N, C-alpha and C. Protein backbone atom coordinates (compact mmCIF):
# COMPACT_ATOMS: atom_id res chain seq x y z
N MET A 1 9.89 82.93 37.49
CA MET A 1 9.90 83.77 38.68
C MET A 1 9.26 82.99 39.84
N SER A 2 9.98 82.85 40.93
CA SER A 2 9.43 82.13 42.07
C SER A 2 8.66 83.08 42.97
N ARG A 3 7.70 82.52 43.66
CA ARG A 3 6.90 83.33 44.58
C ARG A 3 7.71 83.61 45.83
N PRO A 4 7.62 84.83 46.37
CA PRO A 4 8.36 85.13 47.60
C PRO A 4 7.75 84.41 48.80
N LYS A 5 8.59 84.18 49.79
CA LYS A 5 8.10 83.59 51.04
C LYS A 5 7.29 84.62 51.80
N ILE A 6 6.28 84.15 52.51
CA ILE A 6 5.40 85.01 53.28
C ILE A 6 5.42 84.56 54.74
N LYS A 7 5.59 85.52 55.63
CA LYS A 7 5.54 85.25 57.08
C LYS A 7 4.35 86.01 57.65
N ILE A 8 3.59 85.33 58.52
CA ILE A 8 2.45 85.93 59.20
C ILE A 8 2.75 85.91 60.69
N THR A 9 2.70 87.09 61.34
CA THR A 9 3.07 87.22 62.75
C THR A 9 1.94 87.89 63.51
N LEU A 10 1.59 87.33 64.66
CA LEU A 10 0.61 87.95 65.55
C LEU A 10 1.32 89.06 66.31
N ILE A 11 0.87 90.32 66.12
CA ILE A 11 1.58 91.46 66.70
C ILE A 11 0.83 92.18 67.82
N ASP A 12 -0.48 91.93 67.96
CA ASP A 12 -1.25 92.63 69.00
C ASP A 12 -2.60 91.94 69.17
N ARG A 13 -3.26 92.24 70.28
CA ARG A 13 -4.62 91.77 70.52
C ARG A 13 -5.43 92.94 71.06
N LYS A 14 -6.59 93.19 70.48
CA LYS A 14 -7.45 94.30 70.88
C LYS A 14 -8.67 93.84 71.66
N GLY A 15 -9.03 92.58 71.56
CA GLY A 15 -10.23 92.08 72.21
C GLY A 15 -10.00 91.75 73.68
N LYS A 16 -11.09 91.46 74.36
CA LYS A 16 -11.05 91.19 75.80
C LYS A 16 -10.68 89.76 76.15
N HIS A 17 -10.78 88.86 75.19
CA HIS A 17 -10.54 87.43 75.46
C HIS A 17 -9.35 86.92 74.65
N GLY A 18 -8.70 85.91 75.16
CA GLY A 18 -7.60 85.28 74.44
C GLY A 18 -8.09 84.54 73.22
N CYS A 19 -7.16 84.19 72.38
CA CYS A 19 -7.47 83.50 71.13
C CYS A 19 -8.01 82.11 71.41
N HIS A 20 -9.07 81.76 70.71
CA HIS A 20 -9.68 80.44 70.87
C HIS A 20 -8.79 79.32 70.33
N ARG A 21 -7.86 79.67 69.44
CA ARG A 21 -6.90 78.69 68.91
C ARG A 21 -5.61 78.65 69.71
N GLY A 22 -5.49 79.55 70.69
CA GLY A 22 -4.29 79.56 71.52
C GLY A 22 -3.15 80.40 70.97
N HIS A 23 -3.38 81.17 69.91
CA HIS A 23 -2.32 82.02 69.38
C HIS A 23 -1.98 83.12 70.38
N LYS A 24 -0.69 83.44 70.45
CA LYS A 24 -0.20 84.47 71.36
C LYS A 24 0.64 85.48 70.58
N ILE A 25 0.72 86.70 71.10
CA ILE A 25 1.52 87.73 70.46
C ILE A 25 2.96 87.22 70.30
N GLY A 26 3.49 87.39 69.11
CA GLY A 26 4.84 86.91 68.79
C GLY A 26 4.84 85.63 67.97
N ASP A 27 3.72 84.89 67.97
CA ASP A 27 3.65 83.67 67.15
C ASP A 27 3.80 84.04 65.68
N SER A 28 4.61 83.27 64.95
CA SER A 28 4.82 83.49 63.52
C SER A 28 4.57 82.19 62.76
N PHE A 29 4.13 82.35 61.53
CA PHE A 29 3.80 81.20 60.69
C PHE A 29 4.34 81.43 59.29
N ASP A 30 4.99 80.42 58.73
CA ASP A 30 5.40 80.44 57.33
C ASP A 30 4.17 80.04 56.52
N PHE A 31 3.74 80.91 55.61
CA PHE A 31 2.52 80.65 54.86
C PHE A 31 2.57 79.34 54.09
N ASP A 32 3.70 79.01 53.50
CA ASP A 32 3.78 77.81 52.66
C ASP A 32 3.85 76.51 53.45
N THR A 33 4.44 76.54 54.64
CA THR A 33 4.64 75.28 55.37
C THR A 33 3.85 75.16 56.66
N GLU A 34 3.34 76.28 57.20
CA GLU A 34 2.67 76.24 58.50
C GLU A 34 1.28 76.86 58.51
N ARG A 35 0.74 77.17 57.35
CA ARG A 35 -0.55 77.86 57.33
C ARG A 35 -1.67 77.05 57.97
N GLY A 36 -1.55 75.75 58.01
CA GLY A 36 -2.56 74.91 58.65
C GLY A 36 -2.61 75.11 60.16
N GLN A 37 -1.59 75.72 60.73
CA GLN A 37 -1.57 75.98 62.17
C GLN A 37 -2.27 77.29 62.52
N LEU A 38 -2.50 78.13 61.52
CA LEU A 38 -3.14 79.42 61.75
C LEU A 38 -4.66 79.24 61.79
N CYS A 39 -5.30 79.96 62.68
CA CYS A 39 -6.76 79.91 62.82
C CYS A 39 -7.42 80.08 61.45
N PRO A 40 -8.38 79.23 61.10
CA PRO A 40 -9.03 79.34 59.79
C PRO A 40 -9.73 80.69 59.57
N MET A 41 -10.29 81.28 60.62
CA MET A 41 -10.94 82.58 60.44
C MET A 41 -9.91 83.64 60.06
N ALA A 42 -8.76 83.64 60.72
CA ALA A 42 -7.70 84.59 60.40
C ALA A 42 -7.15 84.32 59.00
N MET A 43 -6.97 83.05 58.66
CA MET A 43 -6.45 82.70 57.33
C MET A 43 -7.39 83.17 56.23
N HIS A 44 -8.68 83.09 56.48
CA HIS A 44 -9.68 83.54 55.51
C HIS A 44 -9.51 85.03 55.20
N VAL A 45 -9.23 85.82 56.23
CA VAL A 45 -9.03 87.25 56.06
C VAL A 45 -7.65 87.52 55.42
N ALA A 46 -6.65 86.75 55.81
CA ALA A 46 -5.28 87.00 55.34
C ALA A 46 -5.07 86.70 53.87
N PHE A 47 -5.77 85.71 53.34
CA PHE A 47 -5.45 85.22 52.00
C PHE A 47 -5.47 86.31 50.92
N PRO A 48 -6.48 87.19 50.84
CA PRO A 48 -6.43 88.21 49.78
C PRO A 48 -5.21 89.13 49.89
N TYR A 49 -4.81 89.46 51.12
CA TYR A 49 -3.63 90.30 51.30
C TYR A 49 -2.37 89.57 50.85
N ILE A 50 -2.28 88.29 51.18
CA ILE A 50 -1.14 87.48 50.77
C ILE A 50 -1.05 87.43 49.25
N ASP A 51 -2.18 87.21 48.61
CA ASP A 51 -2.22 87.16 47.14
C ASP A 51 -1.74 88.48 46.54
N ILE A 52 -2.20 89.59 47.07
CA ILE A 52 -1.79 90.91 46.57
C ILE A 52 -0.28 91.08 46.70
N LEU A 53 0.25 90.80 47.89
CA LEU A 53 1.69 90.99 48.13
C LEU A 53 2.53 90.03 47.31
N ARG A 54 2.11 88.79 47.26
CA ARG A 54 2.89 87.76 46.60
C ARG A 54 3.05 88.02 45.10
N TYR A 55 2.08 88.68 44.52
CA TYR A 55 2.13 88.91 43.07
C TYR A 55 2.44 90.36 42.72
N GLY A 56 3.13 91.06 43.64
CA GLY A 56 3.69 92.36 43.33
C GLY A 56 2.83 93.56 43.63
N GLY A 57 1.67 93.36 44.23
CA GLY A 57 0.80 94.48 44.54
C GLY A 57 1.22 95.20 45.81
N HIS A 58 0.63 96.35 46.00
CA HIS A 58 0.88 97.17 47.19
C HIS A 58 -0.45 97.55 47.81
N LEU A 59 -0.47 97.68 49.12
CA LEU A 59 -1.69 98.05 49.83
C LEU A 59 -1.59 99.49 50.30
N PRO A 60 -2.60 100.29 50.04
CA PRO A 60 -2.57 101.69 50.46
C PRO A 60 -2.37 101.81 51.97
N GLY A 61 -1.49 102.73 52.36
CA GLY A 61 -1.25 102.98 53.78
C GLY A 61 -0.38 101.96 54.48
N GLN A 62 0.14 100.98 53.76
CA GLN A 62 1.00 99.94 54.35
C GLN A 62 2.41 100.07 53.79
N GLU A 63 3.41 99.67 54.59
CA GLU A 63 4.78 99.62 54.09
C GLU A 63 4.84 98.63 52.94
N ASP A 64 5.71 98.89 51.97
CA ASP A 64 5.88 97.94 50.86
C ASP A 64 6.21 96.56 51.41
N GLY A 65 5.57 95.57 50.84
CA GLY A 65 5.83 94.18 51.22
C GLY A 65 5.19 93.76 52.52
N THR A 66 4.27 94.58 53.07
CA THR A 66 3.61 94.22 54.32
C THR A 66 2.11 94.52 54.25
N ALA A 67 1.38 93.88 55.12
CA ALA A 67 -0.04 94.18 55.33
C ALA A 67 -0.36 93.85 56.78
N VAL A 68 -1.19 94.65 57.40
CA VAL A 68 -1.64 94.40 58.76
C VAL A 68 -3.14 94.19 58.69
N PHE A 69 -3.64 93.16 59.38
CA PHE A 69 -5.06 92.86 59.37
C PHE A 69 -5.47 92.29 60.72
N CYS A 70 -6.76 92.26 60.96
CA CYS A 70 -7.32 91.70 62.20
C CYS A 70 -8.11 90.44 61.91
N CYS A 71 -8.12 89.53 62.86
CA CYS A 71 -9.00 88.38 62.75
C CYS A 71 -10.44 88.87 62.96
N PRO A 72 -11.42 88.15 62.44
CA PRO A 72 -12.80 88.60 62.54
C PRO A 72 -13.50 88.27 63.85
N ASP A 73 -12.84 87.64 64.79
CA ASP A 73 -13.47 87.27 66.06
C ASP A 73 -13.54 88.49 66.97
N VAL A 74 -14.71 89.06 67.16
CA VAL A 74 -14.88 90.29 67.92
C VAL A 74 -14.44 90.16 69.38
N ASP A 75 -14.48 88.95 69.94
CA ASP A 75 -14.03 88.76 71.31
C ASP A 75 -12.52 88.80 71.44
N THR A 76 -11.83 88.46 70.37
CA THR A 76 -10.37 88.35 70.40
C THR A 76 -9.68 89.50 69.69
N ILE A 77 -10.03 89.74 68.45
CA ILE A 77 -9.44 90.77 67.59
C ILE A 77 -7.91 90.72 67.61
N ASN A 78 -7.38 89.58 67.20
CA ASN A 78 -5.93 89.48 67.04
C ASN A 78 -5.50 90.30 65.83
N VAL A 79 -4.35 90.97 65.96
CA VAL A 79 -3.81 91.79 64.87
C VAL A 79 -2.57 91.07 64.35
N PHE A 80 -2.55 90.83 63.04
CA PHE A 80 -1.46 90.11 62.38
C PHE A 80 -0.76 91.01 61.39
N ARG A 81 0.52 90.74 61.18
CA ARG A 81 1.28 91.39 60.11
C ARG A 81 1.73 90.31 59.14
N ILE A 82 1.51 90.57 57.88
CA ILE A 82 1.99 89.72 56.80
C ILE A 82 3.19 90.42 56.19
N GLU A 83 4.25 89.69 55.95
CA GLU A 83 5.41 90.32 55.31
C GLU A 83 6.09 89.37 54.35
N ILE A 84 6.61 89.96 53.29
CA ILE A 84 7.41 89.20 52.35
C ILE A 84 8.79 89.00 52.98
N VAL A 85 9.28 87.77 52.95
CA VAL A 85 10.60 87.46 53.49
C VAL A 85 11.55 87.34 52.31
N GLU A 86 12.52 88.23 52.25
CA GLU A 86 13.48 88.24 51.14
C GLU A 86 14.55 87.20 51.38
């Protein structure tokens, strides 16, 4: 069984300041080939969600195959969506 592809997309920003890494709403990253381009703080938060989705788990209150999370930078608070790409 192969692991599904994972896409991470910046969908919103709640903080007062822009991203320190330069990420903008609409930016997308392929987890397997482009994860090094994603802010390390955001990647740190994303990884457990990716692991859950990739191995068949579901997150309460989220659509199947997706997870929404925020980066931990209180000045920026970027909101990302993780989704399985079929």
